[in-house]
Amino acid sequence: MRLSIIVAIAKNYAIGLDNKLIYWLPNDMKRFRTLTTGNAIIMGRKTFESLPKGALPNRRNIVLSRTSAKDAFPGAECYATLDEALEACRNQDEVFIIGGASVYEQALPVADRLCLTCVDDIPSEADTFFPEFDSSHWKETFREEHDIDEKHACRYAFVNLERK
């Protein structure tokens, strides 16, 4: 199993405000869907609650929650810890961590790959941040730059990093 983290981050590592994504980037959403479809996705309770239509289709949805009932998340499995969730996914080819900040922080030390959308901006407001990480432990394996256009208000780049 390969453990990947997928996230859109600003230059200051900001990822959210009021339990919502800071940036609306249609190409980022398309990339997210392409990479995660057919795989398991692990998220925290608040991330699941922020999904407009609940569990994401064509993916194995897993929610981490120590306090919620196992059936509190329609269309998703629930585990108390990241270790339990990863053990349940041991036969999956790839598992994606999709948020939020505390789940990213737990997964970062054991992740094999980071699938980043690096947004060339610092938002005026943010209350949720991706954990800072030592880039010397990672090797860039993919980069695709994108300019501002009619659907994207900021420059951004898709960047994949593999653990060295």
Protein backbone atom coordinates (compact mmCIF):
# COMPACT_ATOMS: atom_id res chain seq x y z
CA MET A 1 0.00 0.00 0.00
CA ARG A 2 1.21 3.47 -0.88
CA LEU A 3 0.10 6.24 1.46
CA SER A 4 -0.38 9.59 -0.27
CA ILE A 5 -1.40 12.95 1.11
CA ILE A 6 -3.37 15.21 -1.22
CA VAL A 7 -3.85 18.89 -0.41
CA ALA A 8 -4.02 22.38 -1.90
CA ILE A 9 -1.77 24.72 0.09
CA ALA A 10 -1.01 28.42 0.00
CA LYS A 11 2.52 29.80 0.28
CA ASN A 12 2.04 30.10 4.06
CA TYR A 13 0.70 26.50 4.30
CA ALA A 14 -2.91 27.72 4.72
CA ILE A 15 -5.50 25.16 3.66
CA GLY A 16 -8.85 26.24 5.11
CA LEU A 17 -11.15 28.78 6.71
CA ASP A 18 -14.35 27.98 8.64
CA ASN A 19 -14.16 24.28 7.64
CA LYS A 20 -14.04 25.16 3.92
CA LEU A 21 -11.29 25.15 1.33
CA ILE A 22 -9.74 28.58 0.81
CA TYR A 23 -9.40 28.28 -2.95
CA TRP A 24 -11.86 27.16 -5.59
CA LEU A 25 -9.69 25.69 -8.34
CA PRO A 26 -11.66 23.56 -10.81
CA ASN A 27 -8.48 21.93 -12.17
CA ASP A 28 -7.46 20.99 -8.61
CA MET A 29 -10.87 19.38 -8.08
CA LYS A 30 -10.47 17.48 -11.34
CA ARG A 31 -7.00 16.26 -10.32
CA PHE A 32 -8.29 15.27 -6.88
CA ARG A 33 -11.10 13.23 -8.47
CA THR A 34 -8.74 11.57 -10.98
CA LEU A 35 -6.17 10.57 -8.36
CA THR A 36 -8.53 9.40 -5.63
CA THR A 37 -11.23 7.60 -7.64
CA GLY A 38 -11.00 3.85 -7.11
CA ASN A 39 -8.86 4.26 -3.99
CA ALA A 40 -9.45 4.60 -0.26
CA ILE A 41 -9.62 8.11 1.20
CA ILE A 42 -9.11 8.84 4.89
CA MET A 43 -10.38 12.03 6.47
CA GLY A 44 -11.28 13.55 9.80
CA ARG A 45 -14.85 14.06 10.99
CA LYS A 46 -14.96 17.77 10.14
CA THR A 47 -13.68 17.10 6.62
CA PHE A 48 -16.44 14.53 6.09
CA GLU A 49 -19.03 16.98 7.43
CA SER A 50 -17.78 19.64 4.99
CA LEU A 51 -18.46 17.44 1.95
CA PRO A 52 -21.55 18.92 0.28
CA LYS A 53 -23.07 15.57 -0.71
CA GLY A 54 -21.55 13.31 1.95
CA ALA A 55 -19.35 10.33 1.08
CA LEU A 56 -17.44 10.78 -2.18
CA PRO A 57 -18.55 8.35 -4.91
CA ASN A 58 -16.34 5.60 -6.33
CA ARG A 59 -13.97 5.68 -3.37
CA ARG A 60 -13.69 3.82 -0.10
CA ASN A 61 -14.51 6.61 2.39
CA ILE A 62 -12.98 6.32 5.85
CA VAL A 63 -13.57 8.79 8.67
CA LEU A 64 -11.43 9.10 11.78
CA SER A 65 -13.42 9.86 14.92
CA ARG A 66 -12.84 8.81 18.52
CA THR A 67 -16.29 9.91 19.69
CA SER A 68 -18.79 9.27 16.89
CA ALA A 69 -20.82 6.11 16.47
CA LYS A 70 -19.48 3.75 13.82
CA ASP A 71 -22.59 4.39 11.68
CA ALA A 72 -22.55 8.20 12.06
CA PHE A 73 -21.13 8.74 8.57
CA PRO A 74 -23.41 7.36 5.81
CA GLY A 75 -21.39 5.69 3.07
CA ALA A 76 -18.19 5.70 5.12
CA GLU A 77 -16.37 3.43 7.52
CA CYS A 78 -15.30 4.89 10.86
CA TYR A 79 -12.15 4.16 12.86
CA ALA A 80 -10.87 5.70 16.07
CA THR A 81 -7.24 6.05 14.97
CA LEU A 82 -5.18 6.45 11.81
CA ASP A 83 -3.35 3.21 12.62
CA GLU A 84 -6.65 1.30 12.73
CA ALA A 85 -7.75 2.84 9.43
CA LEU A 86 -4.43 2.04 7.74
CA GLU A 87 -4.59 -1.54 9.01
CA ALA A 88 -8.08 -1.85 7.49
CA CYS A 89 -6.62 -0.60 4.18
CA ARG A 90 -3.56 -2.86 4.09
CA ASN A 91 -4.80 -4.60 0.91
CA GLN A 92 -5.45 -1.35 -1.00
CA ASP A 93 -2.97 -0.28 -3.69
CA GLU A 94 -3.14 3.35 -2.65
CA VAL A 95 -4.69 5.29 0.21
CA PHE A 96 -5.12 9.07 0.19
CA ILE A 97 -5.23 11.30 3.24
CA ILE A 98 -7.58 14.17 2.31
CA GLY A 99 -7.69 16.24 5.53
CA GLY A 100 -7.99 17.94 7.84
CA ALA A 101 -4.95 19.44 9.49
CA SER A 102 -4.71 17.01 12.41
CA VAL A 103 -5.03 13.99 10.12
CA TYR A 104 -2.35 15.44 7.82
CA GLU A 105 -0.11 15.92 10.86
CA GLN A 106 -0.60 12.30 11.96
CA ALA A 107 0.00 10.93 8.44
CA LEU A 108 2.95 13.08 7.39
CA PRO A 109 5.62 10.99 9.19
CA VAL A 110 4.45 7.77 7.48
CA ALA A 111 3.36 9.10 4.06
CA ASP A 112 5.11 7.89 0.92
CA ARG A 113 3.96 10.71 -1.38
CA LEU A 114 2.64 14.24 -1.25
CA CYS A 115 0.31 15.34 -4.06
CA LEU A 116 0.31 19.10 -3.62
CA THR A 117 -1.48 21.90 -5.37
CA CYS A 118 0.82 24.79 -4.49
CA VAL A 119 -1.17 28.02 -4.77
CA ASP A 120 0.91 31.12 -5.48
CA ASP A 121 -0.92 33.24 -2.91
CA ILE A 122 -1.17 34.07 0.78
CA PRO A 123 -4.82 34.33 1.82
CA SER A 124 -5.98 37.26 3.91
CA GLU A 125 -7.70 34.84 6.29
CA ALA A 126 -7.11 31.21 7.25
CA ASP A 127 -7.66 29.16 10.37
CA THR A 128 -6.33 25.79 9.22
CA PHE A 129 -2.79 25.04 8.06
CA PHE A 130 -0.90 22.09 6.63
CA PRO A 131 1.95 21.05 8.95
CA GLU A 132 5.36 22.35 7.94
CA PHE A 133 7.68 19.61 6.72
CA ASP A 134 11.37 19.18 5.99
CA SER A 135 11.69 19.28 2.20
CA SER A 136 15.10 17.57 2.40
CA HIS A 137 13.24 14.29 3.09
CA TRP A 138 11.32 14.56 -0.19
CA LYS A 139 12.20 14.42 -3.89
CA GLU A 140 10.10 16.21 -6.49
CA THR A 141 8.91 13.74 -9.13
CA PHE A 142 6.31 15.84 -10.97
CA ARG A 143 5.53 19.52 -11.50
CA GLU A 144 2.96 21.18 -13.73
CA GLU A 145 2.65 24.98 -13.62
CA HIS A 146 -0.63 26.80 -14.31
CA ASP A 147 -1.27 30.51 -14.91
CA ILE A 148 -4.26 32.59 -13.96
CA ASP A 149 -7.22 32.07 -16.31
CA GLU A 150 -10.98 32.68 -16.38
CA LYS A 151 -11.60 29.86 -13.87
CA HIS A 152 -8.52 30.23 -11.65
CA ALA A 153 -7.78 33.51 -9.83
CA CYS A 154 -4.27 32.47 -8.73
CA ARG A 155 -1.24 30.87 -10.29
CA TYR A 156 -0.75 27.31 -9.00
CA ALA A 157 1.33 24.21 -9.61
CA PHE A 158 0.60 20.52 -9.25
CA VAL A 159 3.64 19.06 -7.46
CA ASN A 160 4.27 15.46 -6.42
CA LEU A 161 6.92 14.70 -3.84
CA GLU A 162 8.14 11.18 -3.01
CA ARG A 163 9.83 10.33 0.27
CA LYS A 164 13.57 9.84 -0.23
